[in-house]
């Protein structure tokens, strides 16, 4: 049974995303302090 406002069983709430955010690595394409973009070989 789905909670109200959820379309799929795999939907993640904002609270769940807040908990998961700390566990996810920083994407290589978005370094925290800027820098040159990655170059295509």
PDB file of N, CA and C in Angstrom:
ATOM      1  N   UNK A   1       0.846  -1.186   0.000  1.00  0.00           N
ATOM      2  CA  UNK A   1       0.000   0.000   0.000  1.00  0.00           C
ATOM      3  C   UNK A   1       0.890   1.248   0.000  1.00  0.00           C
ATOM      4  N   UNK A   2       0.548   2.188  -0.842  1.00  0.00           N
ATOM      5  CA  UNK A   2       1.332   3.420  -0.963  1.00  0.00           C
ATOM      6  C   UNK A   2       0.786   4.498  -0.037  1.00  0.00           C
ATOM      7  N   UNK A   3       1.686   5.324   0.457  1.00  0.00           N
ATOM      8  CA  UNK A   3       1.273   6.466   1.259  1.00  0.00           C
ATOM      9  C   UNK A   3       0.683   7.535   0.350  1.00  0.00           C
ATOM     10  N   UNK A   4      -0.171   8.406   0.873  1.00  0.00           N
ATOM     11  CA  UNK A   4      -0.722   9.487   0.048  1.00  0.00           C
ATOM     12  C   UNK A   4       0.395  10.355  -0.529  1.00  0.00           C
ATOM     13  N   UNK A   5       0.295  10.695  -1.791  1.00  0.00           N
ATOM     14  CA  UNK A   5       1.295  11.527  -2.450  1.00  0.00           C
ATOM     15  C   UNK A   5       2.419  10.743  -3.092  1.00  0.00           C
ATOM     16  N   UNK A   6       2.439   9.434  -2.895  1.00  0.00           N
ATOM     17  CA  UNK A   6       3.468   8.592  -3.494  1.00  0.00           C
ATOM     18  C   UNK A   6       2.880   7.883  -4.701  1.00  0.00           C
ATOM     19  N   UNK A   7       3.616   7.901  -5.791  1.00  0.00           N
ATOM     20  CA  UNK A   7       3.144   7.284  -7.018  1.00  0.00           C
ATOM     21  C   UNK A   7       3.670   5.861  -7.167  1.00  0.00           C
ATOM     22  N   UNK A   8       4.892   5.635  -6.693  1.00  0.00           N
ATOM     23  CA  UNK A   8       5.539   4.327  -6.835  1.00  0.00           C
ATOM     24  C   UNK A   8       6.052   3.853  -5.475  1.00  0.00           C
ATOM     25  N   UNK A   9       6.143   2.555  -5.264  1.00  0.00           N
ATOM     26  CA  UNK A   9       6.664   2.043  -3.986  1.00  0.00           C
ATOM     27  C   UNK A   9       8.106   2.481  -3.711  1.00  0.00           C
ATOM     28  N   UNK A  10       8.858   2.788  -4.763  1.00  0.00           N
ATOM     29  CA  UNK A  10      10.256   3.189  -4.595  1.00  0.00           C
ATOM     30  C   UNK A  10      10.426   4.692  -4.381  1.00  0.00           C
ATOM     31  N   UNK A  11       9.342   5.466  -4.352  1.00  0.00           N
ATOM     32  CA  UNK A  11       9.446   6.911  -4.126  1.00  0.00           C
ATOM     33  C   UNK A  11      10.119   7.185  -2.782  1.00  0.00           C
ATOM     34  N   UNK A  12      10.951   8.230  -2.748  1.00  0.00           N
ATOM     35  CA  UNK A  12      11.698   8.594  -1.547  1.00  0.00           C
ATOM     36  C   UNK A  12      11.212   9.952  -1.052  1.00  0.00           C
ATOM     37  N   UNK A  13      10.954  10.044   0.237  1.00  0.00           N
ATOM     38  CA  UNK A  13      10.470  11.294   0.816  1.00  0.00           C
ATOM     39  C   UNK A  13      11.629  12.278   1.001  1.00  0.00           C
ATOM     40  N   UNK A  14      11.301  13.536   1.260  1.00  0.00           N
ATOM     41  CA  UNK A  14      12.329  14.553   1.512  1.00  0.00           C
ATOM     42  C   UNK A  14      13.145  14.202   2.752  1.00  0.00           C
ATOM     43  N   UNK A  15      12.505  13.652   3.765  1.00  0.00           N
ATOM     44  CA  UNK A  15      13.222  13.254   4.975  1.00  0.00           C
ATOM     45  C   UNK A  15      14.206  12.130   4.672  1.00  0.00           C
ATOM     46  N   UNK A  16      13.783  11.163   3.878  1.00  0.00           N
ATOM     47  CA  UNK A  16      14.676  10.067   3.502  1.00  0.00           C
ATOM     48  C   UNK A  16      15.858  10.577   2.683  1.00  0.00           C
ATOM     49  N   UNK A  17      15.617  11.529   1.749  1.00  0.00           N
ATOM     50  CA  UNK A  17      16.711  12.097   0.958  1.00  0.00           C
ATOM     51  C   UNK A  17      17.690  12.843   1.853  1.00  0.00           C
ATOM     52  N   UNK A  18      17.191  13.532   2.874  1.00  0.00           N
ATOM     53  CA  UNK A  18      18.077  14.256   3.790  1.00  0.00           C
ATOM     54  C   UNK A  18      19.020  13.288   4.501  1.00  0.00           C
ATOM     55  N   UNK A  19      18.529  12.107   4.848  1.00  0.00           N
ATOM     56  CA  UNK A  19      19.370  11.104   5.496  1.00  0.00           C
ATOM     57  C   UNK A  19      20.347  10.471   4.510  1.00  0.00           C
ATOM     58  N   UNK A  20      19.908  10.264   3.280  1.00  0.00           N
ATOM     59  CA  UNK A  20      20.750   9.624   2.272  1.00  0.00           C
ATOM     60  C   UNK A  20      21.839  10.548   1.739  1.00  0.00           C
ATOM     61  N   UNK A  21      21.591  11.853   1.732  1.00  0.00           N
ATOM     62  CA  UNK A  21      22.526  12.816   1.144  1.00  0.00           C
ATOM     63  C   UNK A  21      23.925  12.703   1.745  1.00  0.00           C
ATOM     64  N   UNK A  22      24.001  12.476   3.052  1.00  0.00           N
ATOM     65  CA  UNK A  22      25.303  12.366   3.716  1.00  0.00           C
ATOM     66  C   UNK A  22      26.058  11.109   3.292  1.00  0.00           C
ATOM     67  N   UNK A  23      25.361  10.123   2.777  1.00  0.00           N
ATOM     68  CA  UNK A  23      25.990   8.861   2.391  1.00  0.00           C
ATOM     69  C   UNK A  23      26.456   8.846   0.939  1.00  0.00           C
ATOM     70  N   UNK A  24      26.021   9.827   0.146  1.00  0.00           N
ATOM     71  CA  UNK A  24      26.358   9.856  -1.276  1.00  0.00           C
ATOM     72  C   UNK A  24      27.653  10.629  -1.509  1.00  0.00           C
ATOM     73  N   UNK A  25      28.532  10.138  -2.390  1.00  0.00           N
ATOM     74  CA  UNK A  25      29.766  10.869  -2.687  1.00  0.00           C
ATOM     75  C   UNK A  25      29.474  12.107  -3.537  1.00  0.00           C
ATOM     76  N   UNK A  26      30.378  13.081  -3.493  1.00  0.00           N
ATOM     77  CA  UNK A  26      30.256  14.264  -4.342  1.00  0.00           C
ATOM     78  C   UNK A  26      30.517  13.844  -5.785  1.00  0.00           C
ATOM     79  N   UNK A  27      29.632  14.193  -6.716  1.00  0.00           N
ATOM     80  CA  UNK A  27      29.860  13.829  -8.113  1.00  0.00           C
ATOM     81  C   UNK A  27      31.148  14.462  -8.640  1.00  0.00           C
ATOM     82  N   UNK A  28      31.863  13.739  -9.472  1.00  0.00           N
ATOM     83  CA  UNK A  28      33.117  14.238 -10.038  1.00  0.00           C
ATOM     84  C   UNK A  28      32.885  15.471 -10.899  1.00  0.00           C
ATOM     85  N   UNK A  29      31.715  15.590 -11.496  1.00  0.00           N
ATOM     86  CA  UNK A  29      31.435  16.725 -12.374  1.00  0.00           C
ATOM     87  C   UNK A  29      31.006  17.965 -11.589  1.00  0.00           C
ATOM     88  N   UNK A  30      30.829  17.856 -10.283  1.00  0.00           N
ATOM     89  CA  UNK A  30      30.425  18.992  -9.470  1.00  0.00           C
ATOM     90  C   UNK A  30      31.307  19.092  -8.225  1.00  0.00           C
ATOM     91  N   UNK A  31      32.592  19.448  -8.399  1.00  0.00           N
ATOM     92  CA  UNK A  31      33.461  19.564  -7.228  1.00  0.00           C
ATOM     93  C   UNK A  31      32.969  20.679  -6.310  1.00  0.00           C
ATOM     94  N   UNK A  32      33.142  20.557  -5.005  1.00  0.00           N
ATOM     95  CA  UNK A  32      32.608  21.540  -4.067  1.00  0.00           C
ATOM     96  C   UNK A  32      33.234  22.928  -4.165  1.00  0.00           C
ATOM     97  N   UNK A  33      34.476  23.045  -4.670  1.00  0.00           N
ATOM     98  CA  UNK A  33      35.137  24.349  -4.716  1.00  0.00           C
ATOM     99  C   UNK A  33      35.401  24.826  -6.142  1.00  0.00           C
ATOM    100  N   UNK A  34      34.670  24.330  -7.100  1.00  0.00           N
ATOM    101  CA  UNK A  34      34.850  24.785  -8.468  1.00  0.00           C
ATOM    102  C   UNK A  34      36.023  24.122  -9.141  1.00  0.00           C
ATOM    103  N   UNK A  35      36.630  24.819 -10.072  1.00  0.00           N
ATOM    104  CA  UNK A  35      37.751  24.260 -10.814  1.00  0.00           C
ATOM    105  C   UNK A  35      37.392  24.127 -12.279  1.00  0.00           C
ATOM    106  N   UNK A  36      38.352  23.708 -13.055  1.00  0.00           N
ATOM    107  CA  UNK A  36      38.145  23.557 -14.494  1.00  0.00           C
ATOM    108  C   UNK A  36      37.257  22.342 -14.765  1.00  0.00           C
ATOM    109  N   UNK A  37      36.414  22.428 -15.780  1.00  0.00           N
ATOM    110  CA  UNK A  37      35.587  21.272 -16.122  1.00  0.00           C
ATOM    111  C   UNK A  37      36.448  20.135 -16.664  1.00  0.00           C
ATOM    112  N   UNK A  38      35.933  18.924 -16.540  1.00  0.00           N
ATOM    113  CA  UNK A  38      36.658  17.780 -17.074  1.00  0.00           C
ATOM    114  C   UNK A  38      36.764  17.899 -18.587  1.00  0.00           C
ATOM    115  N   UNK A  39      37.881  17.435 -19.136  1.00  0.00           N
ATOM    116  CA  UNK A  39      38.087  17.501 -20.583  1.00  0.00           C
ATOM    117  C   UNK A  39      37.759  16.162 -21.209  1.00  0.00           C
ATOM    118  N   UNK A  40      37.176  16.225 -22.379  1.00  0.00           N
ATOM    119  CA  UNK A  40      36.870  15.014 -23.128  1.00  0.00           C
ATOM    120  C   UNK A  40      38.130  14.601 -23.882  1.00  0.00           C
ATOM    121  N   UNK A  41      38.547  13.330 -23.757  1.00  0.00           N
ATOM    122  CA  UNK A  41      39.805  12.913 -24.416  1.00  0.00           C
ATOM    123  C   UNK A  41      39.752  13.023 -25.919  1.00  0.00           C
TER     124      UNK A  41
END
